[in-house]
Amino acid sequence: MNAVKRLYNRADEWAKGLSRVSYAALLGLSAGIGVLVVNLLLSAEFALVQALTMALVMFSLECVFGLHQTTEE
């Protein structure tokens, strides 16, 4: 369990160090992949369109508002 926690903490610190656009791209990509996988497992129609739309929306919202990034350094 400690190995998983260390891996999570390392990934979290790495993501916190990214610029706003890079972080937004990471967030959009992960959201799009997640939606695509779930839609493919459920055999939903327009899986790729839904995944791309989610990725674009998440990227855009994070770029504009940056709610998950702190300004502290």
N, C-alpha and C. Protein backbone atom coordinates (compact mmCIF):
# COMPACT_ATOMS: atom_id res chain seq x y z
N MET A 1 0.82 -1.20 0.00
CA MET A 1 0.00 0.00 0.00
C MET A 1 0.86 1.26 0.00
N ASN A 2 2.00 1.20 0.67
CA ASN A 2 2.89 2.36 0.69
C ASN A 2 3.45 2.68 -0.69
N ALA A 3 3.69 1.65 -1.48
CA ALA A 3 4.21 1.87 -2.83
C ALA A 3 3.19 2.60 -3.69
N VAL A 4 1.93 2.25 -3.55
CA VAL A 4 0.87 2.92 -4.30
C VAL A 4 0.75 4.37 -3.86
N LYS A 5 0.83 4.60 -2.56
CA LYS A 5 0.73 5.97 -2.04
C LYS A 5 1.91 6.83 -2.51
N ARG A 6 3.11 6.24 -2.53
CA ARG A 6 4.28 6.98 -3.02
C ARG A 6 4.14 7.30 -4.50
N LEU A 7 3.65 6.34 -5.28
CA LEU A 7 3.45 6.56 -6.70
C LEU A 7 2.43 7.67 -6.93
N TYR A 8 1.34 7.64 -6.17
CA TYR A 8 0.32 8.68 -6.29
C TYR A 8 0.91 10.05 -5.94
N ASN A 9 1.67 10.12 -4.86
CA ASN A 9 2.25 11.40 -4.44
C ASN A 9 3.23 11.93 -5.47
N ARG A 10 4.02 11.05 -6.07
CA ARG A 10 4.96 11.48 -7.12
C ARG A 10 4.22 12.01 -8.33
N ALA A 11 3.16 11.31 -8.74
CA ALA A 11 2.37 11.76 -9.89
C ALA A 11 1.67 13.08 -9.58
N ASP A 12 1.19 13.22 -8.37
CA ASP A 12 0.51 14.45 -7.95
C ASP A 12 1.47 15.64 -7.96
N GLU A 13 2.65 15.45 -7.43
CA GLU A 13 3.65 16.52 -7.42
C GLU A 13 4.06 16.89 -8.84
N TRP A 14 4.20 15.89 -9.71
CA TRP A 14 4.55 16.15 -11.10
C TRP A 14 3.45 16.96 -11.78
N ALA A 15 2.19 16.58 -11.58
CA ALA A 15 1.08 17.28 -12.21
C ALA A 15 0.95 18.70 -11.68
N LYS A 16 1.21 18.91 -10.39
CA LYS A 16 1.14 20.25 -9.82
C LYS A 16 2.20 21.17 -10.39
N GLY A 17 3.28 20.61 -10.87
CA GLY A 17 4.36 21.41 -11.43
C GLY A 17 4.15 21.81 -12.88
N LEU A 18 3.12 21.29 -13.51
CA LEU A 18 2.87 21.61 -14.92
C LEU A 18 2.29 23.01 -15.07
N SER A 19 2.48 23.59 -16.23
CA SER A 19 1.86 24.88 -16.52
C SER A 19 0.34 24.69 -16.67
N ARG A 20 -0.38 25.78 -16.72
CA ARG A 20 -1.84 25.70 -16.81
C ARG A 20 -2.29 24.97 -18.07
N VAL A 21 -1.67 25.28 -19.20
CA VAL A 21 -2.06 24.64 -20.46
C VAL A 21 -1.68 23.16 -20.46
N SER A 22 -0.51 22.84 -19.97
CA SER A 22 -0.09 21.44 -19.90
C SER A 22 -0.99 20.64 -18.98
N TYR A 23 -1.35 21.24 -17.84
CA TYR A 23 -2.24 20.57 -16.91
C TYR A 23 -3.62 20.39 -17.53
N ALA A 24 -4.09 21.40 -18.24
CA ALA A 24 -5.39 21.31 -18.91
C ALA A 24 -5.37 20.21 -19.97
N ALA A 25 -4.27 20.09 -20.70
CA ALA A 25 -4.16 19.03 -21.71
C ALA A 25 -4.17 17.66 -21.05
N LEU A 26 -3.46 17.52 -19.95
CA LEU A 26 -3.46 16.25 -19.21
C LEU A 26 -4.86 15.91 -18.71
N LEU A 27 -5.54 16.89 -18.17
CA LEU A 27 -6.89 16.68 -17.65
C LEU A 27 -7.86 16.31 -18.78
N GLY A 28 -7.78 17.03 -19.89
CA GLY A 28 -8.65 16.74 -21.02
C GLY A 28 -8.39 15.37 -21.62
N LEU A 29 -7.11 15.03 -21.72
CA LEU A 29 -6.75 13.72 -22.26
C LEU A 29 -7.24 12.59 -21.37
N SER A 30 -7.04 12.73 -20.07
CA SER A 30 -7.48 11.67 -19.16
C SER A 30 -9.01 11.55 -19.14
N ALA A 31 -9.71 12.67 -19.19
CA ALA A 31 -11.17 12.62 -19.22
C ALA A 31 -11.66 11.99 -20.52
N GLY A 32 -11.06 12.36 -21.63
CA GLY A 32 -11.46 11.79 -22.91
C GLY A 32 -11.22 10.30 -22.99
N ILE A 33 -10.07 9.85 -22.50
CA ILE A 33 -9.77 8.41 -22.50
C ILE A 33 -10.75 7.67 -21.59
N GLY A 34 -11.05 8.24 -20.44
CA GLY A 34 -12.00 7.60 -19.53
C GLY A 34 -13.38 7.45 -20.14
N VAL A 35 -13.87 8.50 -20.77
CA VAL A 35 -15.19 8.45 -21.42
C VAL A 35 -15.17 7.45 -22.57
N LEU A 36 -14.09 7.43 -23.33
CA LEU A 36 -14.00 6.50 -24.46
C LEU A 36 -14.02 5.05 -23.98
N VAL A 37 -13.26 4.75 -22.95
CA VAL A 37 -13.21 3.37 -22.43
C VAL A 37 -14.58 2.94 -21.92
N VAL A 38 -15.23 3.79 -21.15
CA VAL A 38 -16.55 3.44 -20.61
C VAL A 38 -17.55 3.26 -21.74
N ASN A 39 -17.55 4.16 -22.71
CA ASN A 39 -18.49 4.04 -23.83
C ASN A 39 -18.23 2.79 -24.66
N LEU A 40 -16.97 2.43 -24.84
CA LEU A 40 -16.67 1.21 -25.59
C LEU A 40 -17.10 -0.03 -24.82
N LEU A 41 -16.93 0.00 -23.50
CA LEU A 41 -17.39 -1.13 -22.69
C LEU A 41 -18.91 -1.27 -22.70
N LEU A 42 -19.60 -0.15 -22.78
CA LEU A 42 -21.06 -0.16 -22.79
C LEU A 42 -21.64 -0.24 -24.20
N SER A 43 -20.77 -0.28 -25.20
CA SER A 43 -21.19 -0.32 -26.61
C SER A 43 -22.11 0.84 -26.96
N ALA A 44 -21.78 2.02 -26.47
CA ALA A 44 -22.58 3.20 -26.74
C ALA A 44 -22.30 3.71 -28.15
N GLU A 45 -23.31 4.37 -28.71
CA GLU A 45 -23.13 4.98 -30.02
C GLU A 45 -22.34 6.28 -29.87
N PHE A 46 -21.65 6.66 -30.92
CA PHE A 46 -20.89 7.91 -30.96
C PHE A 46 -19.87 8.01 -29.83
N ALA A 47 -19.22 6.91 -29.52
CA ALA A 47 -18.26 6.88 -28.41
C ALA A 47 -17.12 7.86 -28.65
N LEU A 48 -16.60 7.90 -29.85
CA LEU A 48 -15.48 8.78 -30.13
C LEU A 48 -15.90 10.25 -30.07
N VAL A 49 -17.07 10.56 -30.56
CA VAL A 49 -17.56 11.94 -30.52
C VAL A 49 -17.75 12.39 -29.08
N GLN A 50 -18.33 11.54 -28.26
CA GLN A 50 -18.53 11.89 -26.85
C GLN A 50 -17.20 12.07 -26.13
N ALA A 51 -16.24 11.21 -26.41
CA ALA A 51 -14.92 11.30 -25.77
C ALA A 51 -14.21 12.58 -26.19
N LEU A 52 -14.23 12.90 -27.46
CA LEU A 52 -13.58 14.12 -27.93
C LEU A 52 -14.26 15.37 -27.37
N THR A 53 -15.58 15.33 -27.27
CA THR A 53 -16.31 16.46 -26.71
C THR A 53 -15.95 16.66 -25.25
N MET A 54 -15.90 15.59 -24.48
CA MET A 54 -15.53 15.70 -23.06
C MET A 54 -14.11 16.22 -22.91
N ALA A 55 -13.20 15.71 -23.73
CA ALA A 55 -11.81 16.16 -23.66
C ALA A 55 -11.71 17.65 -23.97
N LEU A 56 -12.41 18.10 -24.98
CA LEU A 56 -12.37 19.51 -25.35
C LEU A 56 -12.98 20.40 -24.27
N VAL A 57 -14.09 19.98 -23.70
CA VAL A 57 -14.74 20.75 -22.64
C VAL A 57 -13.85 20.84 -21.41
N MET A 58 -13.28 19.73 -20.98
CA MET A 58 -12.41 19.74 -19.80
C MET A 58 -11.17 20.59 -20.04
N PHE A 59 -10.57 20.47 -21.22
CA PHE A 59 -9.41 21.27 -21.56
C PHE A 59 -9.75 22.76 -21.52
N SER A 60 -10.87 23.11 -22.15
CA SER A 60 -11.26 24.52 -22.23
C SER A 60 -11.56 25.11 -20.85
N LEU A 61 -12.31 24.39 -20.05
CA LEU A 61 -12.65 24.91 -18.72
C LEU A 61 -11.41 25.06 -17.85
N GLU A 62 -10.49 24.12 -17.92
CA GLU A 62 -9.28 24.21 -17.11
C GLU A 62 -8.38 25.34 -17.60
N CYS A 63 -8.30 25.53 -18.92
CA CYS A 63 -7.49 26.63 -19.45
C CYS A 63 -8.05 27.99 -19.03
N VAL A 64 -9.35 28.12 -19.09
CA VAL A 64 -9.96 29.42 -18.80
C VAL A 64 -9.98 29.70 -17.31
N PHE A 65 -10.43 28.76 -16.51
CA PHE A 65 -10.63 29.02 -15.09
C PHE A 65 -9.49 28.51 -14.21
N GLY A 66 -8.84 27.42 -14.58
CA GLY A 66 -7.72 26.89 -13.82
C GLY A 66 -8.05 26.62 -12.36
N LEU A 67 -9.16 26.01 -12.10
CA LEU A 67 -9.61 25.81 -10.72
C LEU A 67 -8.76 24.82 -9.95
N HIS A 68 -8.10 23.91 -10.64
CA HIS A 68 -7.34 22.88 -9.93
C HIS A 68 -5.88 23.27 -9.72
N GLN A 69 -5.47 24.39 -10.24
CA GLN A 69 -4.10 24.85 -10.07
C GLN A 69 -4.05 25.88 -8.96
N THR A 70 -3.06 25.77 -8.12
CA THR A 70 -2.86 26.78 -7.08
C THR A 70 -1.86 27.81 -7.58
N THR A 71 -1.93 29.01 -7.06
CA THR A 71 -0.99 30.05 -7.46
C THR A 71 0.21 30.10 -6.54
N GLU A 72 0.21 29.28 -5.50
CA GLU A 72 1.32 29.25 -4.57
C GLU A 72 2.50 28.52 -5.19
N GLU A 73 3.71 29.01 -4.92
CA GLU A 73 4.91 28.32 -5.42
C GLU A 73 5.93 28.27 -4.35
